[in-house]
Amino acid sequence: MQKIRSVRKDCFKNLIFKANKMGKVEAWSTNNEDFNYSSLEDLIDSNIGELAVGQTVYVGDGRKPKLSEFCDANDVIELMQNRGYDIGGEYADHFMDDVTPEAKQELDEFLKSWMEKHVTINFYTVHDVLEYVLTEEDVQE
């Protein structure tokens, strides 16, 4: 894990800002496990009296998953085939084996359109975590 020690605060903010412009969410943590803070200021304000100069906190890139990671045509077809087998047993062995690539594409487009309209992703995973050592300037603000 990389450490950020003698980086000027404004340079560090520029680094995070550039990452945010690429579709990432700034994520901060005091324990490298729970990334519950959206900025260094948020982390400090939420932990008044608990942080000290020289203490290490953590920052990473929060990345929201893409809608396509949740469900696609293959998932729906497989689910229907499994249900078909549950209902019809061996008689449903080849149920939906005749779905064409065009039909799968149509279903994928429908699912994508529906998810874009109705699904809000309200979580993220954290990647590329860096250690950040708090300075006197950080803690005083």
Protein backbone atom coordinates (compact mmCIF):
# COMPACT_ATOMS: atom_id res chain seq x y z
CA MET A 1 0.00 0.00 0.00
CA GLN A 2 1.36 3.41 -0.94
CA LYS A 3 1.75 6.12 1.66
CA ILE A 4 1.07 9.78 1.15
CA ARG A 5 3.24 11.71 3.59
CA SER A 6 4.69 14.98 2.48
CA VAL A 7 2.18 15.75 -0.22
CA ARG A 8 0.82 19.26 -0.09
CA LYS A 9 -2.87 19.17 0.69
CA ASP A 10 -3.91 21.13 -2.42
CA CYS A 11 -1.96 18.74 -4.67
CA PHE A 12 -3.62 15.77 -2.99
CA LYS A 13 -7.07 17.32 -3.50
CA ASN A 14 -6.27 17.79 -7.20
CA LEU A 15 -5.32 14.12 -7.46
CA ILE A 16 -8.66 13.09 -5.92
CA PHE A 17 -10.61 15.60 -8.04
CA LYS A 18 -9.12 14.16 -11.24
CA ALA A 19 -10.09 10.65 -10.11
CA ASN A 20 -13.65 11.81 -9.38
CA LYS A 21 -13.97 13.25 -12.88
CA MET A 22 -13.30 9.73 -14.17
CA GLY A 23 -16.46 8.41 -12.48
CA LYS A 24 -14.98 7.35 -9.18
CA VAL A 25 -16.16 8.29 -5.71
CA GLU A 26 -13.69 9.53 -3.11
CA ALA A 27 -13.83 7.17 -0.11
CA TRP A 28 -12.10 7.78 3.25
CA SER A 29 -11.65 5.54 6.29
CA THR A 30 -10.04 5.64 9.72
CA ASN A 31 -9.53 1.85 9.87
CA ASN A 32 -9.02 0.70 6.25
CA GLU A 33 -12.25 -1.32 6.46
CA ASP A 34 -15.21 1.06 6.67
CA PHE A 35 -14.99 3.73 3.98
CA ASN A 36 -17.86 5.89 5.23
CA TYR A 37 -16.52 9.37 4.50
CA SER A 38 -16.69 11.25 1.21
CA SER A 39 -13.76 13.59 1.86
CA LEU A 40 -10.91 14.22 4.26
CA GLU A 41 -12.91 17.09 5.73
CA ASP A 42 -15.91 14.79 6.26
CA LEU A 43 -13.69 12.23 8.02
CA ILE A 44 -12.15 14.89 10.29
CA ASP A 45 -15.49 16.58 11.08
CA SER A 46 -17.05 13.23 11.96
CA ASN A 47 -14.20 12.26 14.28
CA ILE A 48 -13.55 15.48 16.22
CA GLY A 49 -11.22 14.82 19.15
CA GLU A 50 -10.43 11.29 17.99
CA LEU A 51 -7.75 12.05 15.39
CA ALA A 52 -4.17 13.16 15.96
CA VAL A 53 -1.34 14.60 13.92
CA GLY A 54 0.67 11.75 12.45
CA GLN A 55 -2.24 9.31 12.52
CA THR A 56 -2.78 7.28 9.38
CA VAL A 57 -6.14 7.33 7.63
CA TYR A 58 -7.00 5.76 4.30
CA VAL A 59 -8.38 6.97 1.00
CA GLY A 60 -9.43 4.93 -2.00
CA ASP A 61 -11.36 5.04 -5.21
CA GLY A 62 -14.98 4.11 -4.62
CA ARG A 63 -16.36 2.53 -7.77
CA LYS A 64 -20.01 1.92 -8.35
CA PRO A 65 -20.70 -1.31 -10.21
CA LYS A 66 -22.10 -1.14 -13.72
CA LEU A 67 -25.73 -2.11 -14.22
CA SER A 68 -24.59 -4.84 -16.60
CA GLU A 69 -22.91 -6.60 -13.67
CA PHE A 70 -26.25 -7.36 -12.04
CA CYS A 71 -28.26 -9.15 -14.68
CA ASP A 72 -28.21 -9.99 -18.36
CA ALA A 73 -30.16 -12.11 -20.82
CA ASN A 74 -28.14 -15.23 -19.99
CA ASP A 75 -29.10 -14.91 -16.31
CA VAL A 76 -32.80 -14.64 -17.15
CA ILE A 77 -32.68 -17.53 -19.60
CA GLU A 78 -30.81 -19.75 -17.13
CA LEU A 79 -33.32 -18.91 -14.39
CA MET A 80 -36.22 -19.78 -16.71
CA GLN A 81 -34.53 -23.04 -17.73
CA ASN A 82 -34.04 -23.98 -14.07
CA ARG A 83 -37.66 -23.17 -13.29
CA GLY A 84 -38.70 -25.17 -16.33
CA TYR A 85 -36.79 -28.14 -14.98
CA ASP A 86 -38.36 -27.64 -11.54
CA ILE A 87 -41.80 -27.71 -13.14
CA GLY A 88 -41.34 -30.27 -15.91
CA GLY A 89 -38.37 -32.31 -14.79
CA GLU A 90 -36.50 -34.11 -17.54
CA TYR A 91 -39.21 -33.16 -20.03
CA ALA A 92 -37.86 -29.60 -19.86
CA ASP A 93 -34.25 -30.57 -20.58
CA HIS A 94 -34.03 -28.52 -23.78
CA PHE A 95 -36.39 -25.73 -22.74
CA MET A 96 -35.25 -22.42 -24.28
CA ASP A 97 -32.22 -23.95 -26.04
CA ASP A 98 -33.58 -22.42 -29.23
CA VAL A 99 -33.25 -18.77 -28.13
CA THR A 100 -31.43 -16.97 -30.94
CA PRO A 101 -28.56 -14.52 -30.46
CA GLU A 102 -30.89 -11.79 -31.76
CA ALA A 103 -33.49 -12.66 -29.11
CA LYS A 104 -30.80 -12.57 -26.40
CA GLN A 105 -29.66 -9.17 -27.65
CA GLU A 106 -33.25 -7.90 -27.55
CA LEU A 107 -33.64 -9.12 -23.97
CA ASP A 108 -30.28 -7.56 -22.99
CA GLU A 109 -31.38 -4.21 -24.42
CA PHE A 110 -34.71 -4.41 -22.58
CA LEU A 111 -33.02 -5.26 -19.27
CA LYS A 112 -30.48 -2.44 -19.69
CA SER A 113 -33.23 0.06 -20.48
CA TRP A 114 -35.32 -1.07 -17.51
CA MET A 115 -32.37 -0.94 -15.10
CA GLU A 116 -31.30 2.52 -16.31
CA LYS A 117 -34.83 3.74 -15.58
CA HIS A 118 -35.52 1.97 -12.26
CA VAL A 119 -32.27 0.94 -10.54
CA THR A 120 -30.25 3.26 -8.34
CA ILE A 121 -26.88 1.96 -7.24
CA ASN A 122 -26.33 3.30 -3.73
CA PHE A 123 -23.08 1.52 -2.85
CA TYR A 124 -19.56 1.14 -4.11
CA THR A 125 -16.48 -1.00 -3.71
CA VAL A 126 -13.16 0.58 -2.75
CA HIS A 127 -9.98 0.10 -4.80
CA ASP A 128 -6.45 1.50 -4.93
CA VAL A 129 -6.33 2.40 -1.23
CA LEU A 130 -3.60 4.79 -0.11
CA GLU A 131 -2.47 5.66 3.38
CA TYR A 132 -2.69 9.35 4.27
CA VAL A 133 -0.86 10.70 7.30
CA LEU A 134 -2.74 13.53 9.00
CA THR A 135 -0.89 16.81 9.33
CA GLU A 136 -1.30 19.61 11.85
CA GLU A 137 -3.03 21.63 9.13
CA ASP A 138 -5.54 18.80 8.55
CA VAL A 139 -6.47 18.38 12.21
CA GLN A 140 -6.76 22.13 12.95
CA GLU A 141 -9.30 22.85 10.22
